[in-house]
């Protein structure tokens, strides 16, 4: 029984890997990474009304992901 569950787990990992790879290719082809964050949590994502920018940890992570996937954090 454990072997069957292990085999099912392995299949799930590989099927998810192909789904993720397909999504990454879709993002690369589009040339744009769209990320949603909240804008009211200090240090994580906070909207600064004076500049209209959202800054914080979540924004920094989104920029790192964009740079890693697309080569540029502005997209």
N, C-alpha and C. Protein backbone atom coordinates (compact mmCIF):
# COMPACT_ATOMS: atom_id res chain seq x y z
N UNK A 1 0.82 -1.20 0.00
CA UNK A 1 0.00 0.00 0.00
C UNK A 1 0.86 1.27 0.00
N UNK A 2 1.94 1.25 0.79
CA UNK A 2 2.82 2.42 0.85
C UNK A 2 3.48 2.67 -0.49
N UNK A 3 3.82 1.60 -1.20
CA UNK A 3 4.46 1.73 -2.50
C UNK A 3 3.51 2.39 -3.51
N UNK A 4 2.25 2.03 -3.46
CA UNK A 4 1.25 2.62 -4.35
C UNK A 4 1.10 4.11 -4.07
N UNK A 5 1.03 4.47 -2.80
CA UNK A 5 0.91 5.88 -2.44
C UNK A 5 2.15 6.66 -2.85
N UNK A 6 3.32 6.06 -2.67
CA UNK A 6 4.56 6.70 -3.08
C UNK A 6 4.58 6.92 -4.59
N UNK A 7 4.16 5.90 -5.35
CA UNK A 7 4.12 6.01 -6.81
C UNK A 7 3.14 7.09 -7.24
N UNK A 8 1.99 7.16 -6.59
CA UNK A 8 1.02 8.21 -6.91
C UNK A 8 1.59 9.59 -6.60
N UNK A 9 2.32 9.69 -5.50
CA UNK A 9 2.96 10.96 -5.15
C UNK A 9 3.98 11.39 -6.18
N UNK A 10 4.78 10.44 -6.66
CA UNK A 10 5.77 10.73 -7.69
C UNK A 10 5.08 11.21 -8.97
N UNK A 11 4.02 10.54 -9.36
CA UNK A 11 3.27 10.95 -10.56
C UNK A 11 2.71 12.36 -10.40
N UNK A 12 2.21 12.66 -9.22
CA UNK A 12 1.66 14.00 -8.97
C UNK A 12 2.74 15.06 -9.08
N UNK A 13 3.93 14.77 -8.57
CA UNK A 13 5.04 15.73 -8.65
C UNK A 13 5.41 15.98 -10.10
N UNK A 14 5.56 14.92 -10.89
CA UNK A 14 5.95 15.10 -12.28
C UNK A 14 4.86 15.76 -13.11
N UNK A 15 3.60 15.46 -12.84
CA UNK A 15 2.54 16.12 -13.60
C UNK A 15 2.46 17.59 -13.23
N UNK A 16 2.69 17.92 -11.97
CA UNK A 16 2.71 19.33 -11.55
C UNK A 16 3.90 20.05 -12.16
N UNK A 17 5.04 19.37 -12.28
CA UNK A 17 6.22 19.98 -12.87
C UNK A 17 5.95 20.39 -14.31
N UNK A 18 5.25 19.56 -15.07
CA UNK A 18 4.96 19.91 -16.46
C UNK A 18 3.97 21.07 -16.53
N UNK A 19 3.04 21.13 -15.59
CA UNK A 19 2.09 22.25 -15.55
C UNK A 19 2.84 23.54 -15.24
N UNK A 20 3.75 23.49 -14.28
CA UNK A 20 4.54 24.68 -13.92
C UNK A 20 5.39 25.11 -15.09
N UNK A 21 6.02 24.16 -15.75
CA UNK A 21 6.86 24.49 -16.91
C UNK A 21 6.03 25.15 -18.00
N UNK A 22 4.81 24.67 -18.22
CA UNK A 22 3.94 25.28 -19.21
C UNK A 22 3.56 26.70 -18.84
N UNK A 23 3.31 26.93 -17.56
CA UNK A 23 2.97 28.28 -17.11
C UNK A 23 4.17 29.22 -17.24
N UNK A 24 5.37 28.72 -16.92
CA UNK A 24 6.57 29.55 -17.08
C UNK A 24 6.78 29.93 -18.54
N UNK A 25 6.58 28.98 -19.44
CA UNK A 25 6.71 29.28 -20.86
C UNK A 25 5.67 30.30 -21.30
N UNK A 26 4.47 30.19 -20.77
CA UNK A 26 3.42 31.16 -21.10
C UNK A 26 3.81 32.57 -20.64
N UNK A 27 4.36 32.67 -19.44
CA UNK A 27 4.80 33.98 -18.93
C UNK A 27 5.92 34.53 -19.79
N UNK A 28 6.88 33.68 -20.14
CA UNK A 28 8.00 34.12 -20.98
C UNK A 28 7.52 34.59 -22.35
N UNK A 29 6.59 33.83 -22.93
CA UNK A 29 6.07 34.21 -24.25
C UNK A 29 5.31 35.53 -24.20
N UNK A 30 4.58 35.74 -23.11
CA UNK A 30 3.82 36.98 -22.95
C UNK A 30 4.76 38.16 -22.65
N UNK A 31 5.90 37.85 -21.99
CA UNK A 31 6.86 38.90 -21.65
C UNK A 31 6.43 39.75 -20.48
N UNK A 32 5.51 39.22 -19.68
CA UNK A 32 4.97 40.00 -18.56
C UNK A 32 4.58 39.06 -17.43
N UNK A 33 4.97 39.42 -16.21
CA UNK A 33 4.57 38.67 -15.02
C UNK A 33 3.61 39.55 -14.24
N UNK A 34 2.41 39.06 -14.04
CA UNK A 34 1.39 39.81 -13.30
C UNK A 34 1.30 39.21 -11.90
N UNK A 35 1.51 40.05 -10.89
CA UNK A 35 1.50 39.61 -9.49
C UNK A 35 0.56 40.51 -8.72
N UNK A 36 -0.28 39.91 -7.88
CA UNK A 36 -1.18 40.67 -7.03
C UNK A 36 -0.69 40.68 -5.59
N UNK A 37 -0.71 41.82 -4.96
CA UNK A 37 -0.35 41.94 -3.55
C UNK A 37 -1.37 42.85 -2.86
N UNK A 38 -1.45 42.72 -1.56
CA UNK A 38 -2.27 43.66 -0.80
C UNK A 38 -1.51 44.97 -0.74
N UNK A 39 -2.19 46.03 -0.38
CA UNK A 39 -1.50 47.32 -0.32
C UNK A 39 -1.67 48.01 1.02
N UNK A 40 -1.98 47.23 2.06
CA UNK A 40 -2.25 47.86 3.35
C UNK A 40 -1.55 47.17 4.52
N UNK A 41 -0.45 46.46 4.22
CA UNK A 41 0.26 45.76 5.29
C UNK A 41 1.70 46.27 5.34
N UNK A 42 2.01 47.09 6.34
CA UNK A 42 3.37 47.64 6.44
C UNK A 42 4.44 46.54 6.41
N UNK A 43 5.52 46.83 5.75
CA UNK A 43 6.69 45.97 5.58
C UNK A 43 6.46 44.84 4.57
N UNK A 44 5.23 44.48 4.28
CA UNK A 44 4.96 43.43 3.29
C UNK A 44 4.53 44.05 1.96
N UNK A 45 3.55 44.92 1.99
CA UNK A 45 3.10 45.63 0.79
C UNK A 45 2.23 46.80 1.27
N UNK A 46 2.76 47.98 1.12
CA UNK A 46 2.05 49.17 1.60
C UNK A 46 2.04 50.23 0.51
N UNK A 47 0.86 50.77 0.24
CA UNK A 47 0.72 51.83 -0.75
C UNK A 47 1.13 53.16 -0.12
N UNK A 48 2.11 53.80 -0.74
CA UNK A 48 2.52 55.13 -0.32
C UNK A 48 1.75 56.13 -1.19
N UNK A 49 0.76 56.77 -0.59
CA UNK A 49 -0.11 57.67 -1.36
C UNK A 49 0.63 58.85 -1.95
N UNK A 50 1.71 59.28 -1.31
CA UNK A 50 2.46 60.43 -1.82
C UNK A 50 3.11 60.13 -3.17
N UNK A 51 3.51 58.86 -3.39
CA UNK A 51 4.16 58.50 -4.65
C UNK A 51 3.30 57.59 -5.53
N UNK A 52 2.26 56.98 -4.93
CA UNK A 52 1.43 56.05 -5.66
C UNK A 52 2.07 54.68 -5.84
N UNK A 53 3.19 54.43 -5.17
CA UNK A 53 3.91 53.17 -5.28
C UNK A 53 3.57 52.23 -4.12
N UNK A 54 3.58 50.95 -4.42
CA UNK A 54 3.45 49.94 -3.38
C UNK A 54 4.85 49.40 -3.13
N UNK A 55 5.28 49.42 -1.88
CA UNK A 55 6.62 48.95 -1.52
C UNK A 55 6.52 47.95 -0.38
N UNK A 56 7.49 47.05 -0.35
CA UNK A 56 7.56 46.08 0.73
C UNK A 56 8.09 44.74 0.27
N UNK A 57 8.10 43.78 1.20
CA UNK A 57 8.65 42.45 0.97
C UNK A 57 8.01 41.74 -0.22
N UNK A 58 6.68 41.75 -0.29
CA UNK A 58 5.99 41.07 -1.39
C UNK A 58 6.36 41.66 -2.74
N UNK A 59 6.51 42.96 -2.79
CA UNK A 59 6.90 43.63 -4.03
C UNK A 59 8.33 43.25 -4.41
N UNK A 60 9.21 43.20 -3.41
CA UNK A 60 10.60 42.80 -3.66
C UNK A 60 10.69 41.38 -4.20
N UNK A 61 9.89 40.48 -3.63
CA UNK A 61 9.87 39.09 -4.11
C UNK A 61 9.33 39.02 -5.54
N UNK A 62 8.30 39.79 -5.83
CA UNK A 62 7.74 39.81 -7.19
C UNK A 62 8.78 40.31 -8.19
N UNK A 63 9.54 41.32 -7.81
CA UNK A 63 10.59 41.83 -8.69
C UNK A 63 11.69 40.80 -8.91
N UNK A 64 12.06 40.06 -7.86
CA UNK A 64 13.06 39.00 -8.00
C UNK A 64 12.56 37.89 -8.93
N UNK A 65 11.29 37.54 -8.79
CA UNK A 65 10.72 36.52 -9.68
C UNK A 65 10.72 36.99 -11.14
N UNK A 66 10.31 38.23 -11.35
CA UNK A 66 10.29 38.77 -12.71
C UNK A 66 11.69 38.79 -13.31
N UNK A 67 12.67 39.19 -12.51
CA UNK A 67 14.05 39.22 -13.00
C UNK A 67 14.55 37.82 -13.30
N UNK A 68 14.19 36.85 -12.47
CA UNK A 68 14.62 35.48 -12.67
C UNK A 68 13.95 34.86 -13.91
N UNK A 69 12.68 35.13 -14.11
CA UNK A 69 11.94 34.52 -15.22
C UNK A 69 12.16 35.27 -16.52
N UNK A 70 12.11 36.59 -16.47
CA UNK A 70 12.12 37.40 -17.68
C UNK A 70 13.44 38.13 -17.92
N UNK A 71 14.30 38.16 -16.90
CA UNK A 71 15.57 38.86 -17.05
C UNK A 71 15.48 40.34 -16.74
N UNK A 72 14.29 40.83 -16.36
CA UNK A 72 14.09 42.24 -16.08
C UNK A 72 13.00 42.38 -15.03
N UNK A 73 13.24 43.14 -13.98
CA UNK A 73 12.25 43.28 -12.92
C UNK A 73 11.13 44.26 -13.25
N UNK A 74 11.23 44.96 -14.34
CA UNK A 74 10.22 45.96 -14.69
C UNK A 74 9.00 45.36 -15.38
N UNK A 75 9.09 44.13 -15.85
CA UNK A 75 7.97 43.51 -16.59
C UNK A 75 7.12 42.67 -15.68
